[in-house]
Amino acid sequence: MYDSAVIPSSVYSSKASKLSGLCSGLRYMLVLAFAWLLGGCGQPLPLDKAEYAGEWQSADMYLLIQHDGSVEYQRYDGNSRTSISGGIQKFDGNDFEVGIGFISSRFEVSEPPHRVGSDWQMVVDGVRLTRVSDVQFY
């Protein structure tokens, strides 16, 4: 082992400087990653789209839309299942995009939420969904 009296102090300060630079760079990367995730969390539902909030189901699709814009989606097709979790990034007419960052999926809404008797229904990606529960404001 080295005796600290033999190692010049410039070596210590050089290593400390490199370590400080590494920590600073790592901190910068963490801040960028956190900002990217927050940007992908979505936006709260606009007031004119408040009826979209709720838990929607059919025999082969499940869609949960929260007032804060978060979405949980599952669709079953035979033995396969597709799942998407993310935030609503934007509305385009009745359609909406869900994703995180630059990865998103578009949901085509051919019939926006509306009453059919005592039930709420909407058609998403060609599937008629019925709202099975409302989502409460917190």
C-alpha atoms as a PDB file:
ATOM      1  CA  MET A   1       0.000   0.000   0.000  1.00  0.00           C
ATOM      2  CA  TYR A   2       0.967   3.609  -0.461  1.00  0.00           C
ATOM      3  CA  ASP A   3       1.857   5.839   2.403  1.00  0.00           C
ATOM      4  CA  SER A   4      -0.104   9.074   2.207  1.00  0.00           C
ATOM      5  CA  ALA A   5       3.107  10.979   2.867  1.00  0.00           C
ATOM      6  CA  VAL A   6       4.543   9.646  -0.419  1.00  0.00           C
ATOM      7  CA  ILE A   7       1.540  10.524  -2.657  1.00  0.00           C
ATOM      8  CA  PRO A   8       1.602  14.161  -3.772  1.00  0.00           C
ATOM      9  CA  SER A   9      -1.380  16.274  -2.775  1.00  0.00           C
ATOM     10  CA  SER A  10      -1.956  17.161  -6.440  1.00  0.00           C
ATOM     11  CA  VAL A  11      -3.054  13.540  -7.047  1.00  0.00           C
ATOM     12  CA  TYR A  12      -5.695  13.865  -4.327  1.00  0.00           C
ATOM     13  CA  SER A  13      -7.024  17.143  -5.702  1.00  0.00           C
ATOM     14  CA  SER A  14      -7.042  15.747  -9.257  1.00  0.00           C
ATOM     15  CA  LYS A  15      -9.071  12.697  -8.181  1.00  0.00           C
ATOM     16  CA  ALA A  16     -11.410  14.852  -6.106  1.00  0.00           C
ATOM     17  CA  SER A  17     -11.930  17.167  -9.071  1.00  0.00           C
ATOM     18  CA  LYS A  18     -12.759  14.238 -11.377  1.00  0.00           C
ATOM     19  CA  LEU A  19     -15.142  12.765  -8.792  1.00  0.00           C
ATOM     20  CA  SER A  20     -16.840  16.129  -8.346  1.00  0.00           C
ATOM     21  CA  GLY A  21     -17.257  16.469 -12.117  1.00  0.00           C
ATOM     22  CA  LEU A  22     -18.693  12.953 -12.338  1.00  0.00           C
ATOM     23  CA  CYS A  23     -21.212  13.646  -9.561  1.00  0.00           C
ATOM     24  CA  SER A  24     -22.189  16.929 -11.183  1.00  0.00           C
ATOM     25  CA  GLY A  25     -22.734  15.195 -14.542  1.00  0.00           C
ATOM     26  CA  LEU A  26     -24.726  12.403 -12.909  1.00  0.00           C
ATOM     27  CA  ARG A  27     -26.874  14.930 -11.070  1.00  0.00           C
ATOM     28  CA  TYR A  28     -27.529  16.748 -14.365  1.00  0.00           C
ATOM     29  CA  MET A  29     -28.582  13.474 -16.049  1.00  0.00           C
ATOM     30  CA  LEU A  30     -30.954  12.644 -13.169  1.00  0.00           C
ATOM     31  CA  VAL A  31     -32.580  16.070 -13.391  1.00  0.00           C
ATOM     32  CA  LEU A  32     -33.051  15.642 -17.158  1.00  0.00           C
ATOM     33  CA  ALA A  33     -34.526  12.139 -16.727  1.00  0.00           C
ATOM     34  CA  PHE A  34     -36.915  13.384 -14.032  1.00  0.00           C
ATOM     35  CA  ALA A  35     -38.021  16.313 -16.205  1.00  0.00           C
ATOM     36  CA  TRP A  36     -38.589  13.939 -19.140  1.00  0.00           C
ATOM     37  CA  LEU A  37     -40.755  11.689 -16.975  1.00  0.00           C
ATOM     38  CA  LEU A  38     -42.765  14.618 -15.651  1.00  0.00           C
ATOM     39  CA  GLY A  39     -43.299  15.861 -19.190  1.00  0.00           C
ATOM     40  CA  GLY A  40     -44.709  12.459 -20.102  1.00  0.00           C
ATOM     41  CA  CYS A  41     -47.115  12.250 -17.210  1.00  0.00           C
ATOM     42  CA  GLY A  42     -49.827  13.907 -19.209  1.00  0.00           C
ATOM     43  CA  GLN A  43     -52.150  16.773 -18.567  1.00  0.00           C
ATOM     44  CA  PRO A  44     -55.336  16.971 -16.519  1.00  0.00           C
ATOM     45  CA  LEU A  45     -58.501  16.390 -18.510  1.00  0.00           C
ATOM     46  CA  PRO A  46     -59.881  19.598 -20.011  1.00  0.00           C
ATOM     47  CA  LEU A  47     -63.290  20.570 -18.645  1.00  0.00           C
ATOM     48  CA  ASP A  48     -64.951  19.779 -21.981  1.00  0.00           C
ATOM     49  CA  LYS A  49     -63.541  16.215 -21.766  1.00  0.00           C
ATOM     50  CA  ALA A  50     -64.487  15.540 -18.116  1.00  0.00           C
ATOM     51  CA  GLU A  51     -66.966  12.846 -19.236  1.00  0.00           C
ATOM     52  CA  TYR A  52     -64.009  10.726 -20.401  1.00  0.00           C
ATOM     53  CA  ALA A  53     -62.978  10.147 -16.773  1.00  0.00           C
ATOM     54  CA  GLY A  54     -63.985   6.799 -15.386  1.00  0.00           C
ATOM     55  CA  GLU A  55     -63.502   3.072 -15.578  1.00  0.00           C
ATOM     56  CA  TRP A  56     -64.661   1.750 -18.966  1.00  0.00           C
ATOM     57  CA  GLN A  57     -65.050  -1.904 -19.957  1.00  0.00           C
ATOM     58  CA  SER A  58     -66.160  -4.322 -22.631  1.00  0.00           C
ATOM     59  CA  ALA A  59     -65.639  -8.081 -22.916  1.00  0.00           C
ATOM     60  CA  ASP A  60     -62.122  -7.602 -24.316  1.00  0.00           C
ATOM     61  CA  MET A  61     -61.056  -4.073 -23.319  1.00  0.00           C
ATOM     62  CA  TYR A  62     -60.434  -2.176 -20.081  1.00  0.00           C
ATOM     63  CA  LEU A  63     -59.783   1.582 -19.986  1.00  0.00           C
ATOM     64  CA  LEU A  64     -59.285   3.697 -16.866  1.00  0.00           C
ATOM     65  CA  ILE A  65     -59.047   7.450 -17.370  1.00  0.00           C
ATOM     66  CA  GLN A  66     -58.318   9.613 -14.318  1.00  0.00           C
ATOM     67  CA  HIS A  67     -59.101  13.326 -13.985  1.00  0.00           C
ATOM     68  CA  ASP A  68     -55.353  13.996 -13.715  1.00  0.00           C
ATOM     69  CA  GLY A  69     -54.924  12.596 -17.241  1.00  0.00           C
ATOM     70  CA  SER A  70     -53.403   9.247 -16.293  1.00  0.00           C
ATOM     71  CA  VAL A  71     -54.588   6.230 -18.283  1.00  0.00           C
ATOM     72  CA  GLU A  72     -54.471   2.456 -17.802  1.00  0.00           C
ATOM     73  CA  TYR A  73     -55.444   0.378 -20.841  1.00  0.00           C
ATOM     74  CA  GLN A  74     -55.673  -3.365 -21.482  1.00  0.00           C
ATOM     75  CA  ARG A  75     -56.994  -5.147 -24.534  1.00  0.00           C
ATOM     76  CA  TYR A  76     -57.326  -8.899 -24.960  1.00  0.00           C
ATOM     77  CA  ASP A  77     -57.178 -10.575 -28.362  1.00  0.00           C
ATOM     78  CA  GLY A  78     -57.201 -14.356 -28.112  1.00  0.00           C
ATOM     79  CA  ASN A  79     -54.138 -15.343 -26.099  1.00  0.00           C
ATOM     80  CA  SER A  80     -52.427 -11.961 -26.356  1.00  0.00           C
ATOM     81  CA  ARG A  81     -52.840  -8.884 -24.205  1.00  0.00           C
ATOM     82  CA  THR A  82     -51.850  -5.302 -24.929  1.00  0.00           C
ATOM     83  CA  SER A  83     -51.270  -2.954 -21.976  1.00  0.00           C
ATOM     84  CA  ILE A  84     -50.535   0.758 -21.965  1.00  0.00           C
ATOM     85  CA  SER A  85     -49.975   3.036 -18.971  1.00  0.00           C
ATOM     86  CA  GLY A  86     -49.236   6.710 -19.310  1.00  0.00           C
ATOM     87  CA  GLY A  87     -50.637  10.181 -19.402  1.00  0.00           C
ATOM     88  CA  ILE A  88     -52.883  11.839 -21.930  1.00  0.00           C
ATOM     89  CA  GLN A  89     -50.521  13.966 -23.979  1.00  0.00           C
ATOM     90  CA  LYS A  90     -53.149  15.674 -26.117  1.00  0.00           C
ATOM     91  CA  PHE A  91     -56.657  15.574 -27.529  1.00  0.00           C
ATOM     92  CA  ASP A  92     -57.307  15.855 -31.253  1.00  0.00           C
ATOM     93  CA  GLY A  93     -61.047  16.327 -31.590  1.00  0.00           C
ATOM     94  CA  ASN A  94     -62.502  13.359 -29.693  1.00  0.00           C
ATOM     95  CA  ASP A  95     -59.337  11.244 -30.111  1.00  0.00           C
ATOM     96  CA  PHE A  96     -56.522  11.294 -27.572  1.00  0.00           C
ATOM     97  CA  GLU A  97     -52.868  10.260 -27.356  1.00  0.00           C
ATOM     98  CA  VAL A  98     -51.428   8.454 -24.355  1.00  0.00           C
ATOM     99  CA  GLY A  99     -47.750   8.032 -23.663  1.00  0.00           C
ATOM    100  CA  ILE A 100     -44.553   8.953 -21.904  1.00  0.00           C
ATOM    101  CA  GLY A 101     -42.028  11.197 -23.602  1.00  0.00           C
ATOM    102  CA  PHE A 102     -41.854  10.551 -27.332  1.00  0.00           C
ATOM    103  CA  ILE A 103     -43.579   7.127 -27.134  1.00  0.00           C
ATOM    104  CA  SER A 104     -47.349   7.377 -27.547  1.00  0.00           C
ATOM    105  CA  SER A 105     -50.449   5.548 -28.746  1.00  0.00           C
ATOM    106  CA  ARG A 106     -53.476   7.149 -30.357  1.00  0.00           C
ATOM    107  CA  PHE A 107     -56.986   6.175 -29.247  1.00  0.00           C
ATOM    108  CA  GLU A 108     -59.634   6.828 -31.879  1.00  0.00           C
ATOM    109  CA  VAL A 109     -62.952   7.804 -30.313  1.00  0.00           C
ATOM    110  CA  SER A 110     -65.708   7.439 -32.907  1.00  0.00           C
ATOM    111  CA  GLU A 111     -68.439   8.051 -30.297  1.00  0.00           C
ATOM    112  CA  PRO A 112     -67.503  10.263 -27.332  1.00  0.00           C
ATOM    113  CA  PRO A 113     -68.998   9.510 -23.900  1.00  0.00           C
ATOM    114  CA  HIS A 114     -72.790   9.737 -23.964  1.00  0.00           C
ATOM    115  CA  ARG A 115     -75.785   8.321 -22.117  1.00  0.00           C
ATOM    116  CA  VAL A 116     -77.610   5.246 -23.376  1.00  0.00           C
ATOM    117  CA  GLY A 117     -80.484   4.776 -20.954  1.00  0.00           C
ATOM    118  CA  SER A 118     -78.930   4.836 -17.503  1.00  0.00           C
ATOM    119  CA  ASP A 119     -75.447   3.839 -18.758  1.00  0.00           C
ATOM    120  CA  TRP A 120     -72.565   5.911 -20.081  1.00  0.00           C
ATOM    121  CA  GLN A 121     -70.971   4.530 -23.243  1.00  0.00           C
ATOM    122  CA  MET A 122     -68.306   5.479 -25.767  1.00  0.00           C
ATOM    123  CA  VAL A 123     -66.648   3.769 -28.732  1.00  0.00           C
ATOM    124  CA  VAL A 124     -62.843   3.614 -28.667  1.00  0.00           C
ATOM    125  CA  ASP A 125     -60.863   1.937 -31.458  1.00  0.00           C
ATOM    126  CA  GLY A 126     -64.094   0.387 -32.724  1.00  0.00           C
ATOM    127  CA  VAL A 127     -65.040  -1.156 -29.357  1.00  0.00           C
ATOM    128  CA  ARG A 128     -68.170  -0.077 -27.460  1.00  0.00           C
ATOM    129  CA  LEU A 129     -67.252   0.537 -23.828  1.00  0.00           C
ATOM    130  CA  THR A 130     -69.570   1.021 -20.853  1.00  0.00           C
ATOM    131  CA  ARG A 131     -68.509   3.063 -17.841  1.00  0.00           C
ATOM    132  CA  VAL A 132     -68.612   0.763 -14.827  1.00  0.00           C
ATOM    133  CA  SER A 133     -67.562   3.377 -12.271  1.00  0.00           C
ATOM    134  CA  ASP A 134     -66.884   7.075 -12.025  1.00  0.00           C
ATOM    135  CA  VAL A 135     -63.515   8.402 -10.954  1.00  0.00           C
ATOM    136  CA  GLN A 136     -63.653  10.724  -7.973  1.00  0.00           C
ATOM    137  CA  PHE A 137     -61.791  14.039  -7.635  1.00  0.00           C
ATOM    138  CA  TYR A 138     -59.159  13.945  -4.900  1.00  0.00           C
END
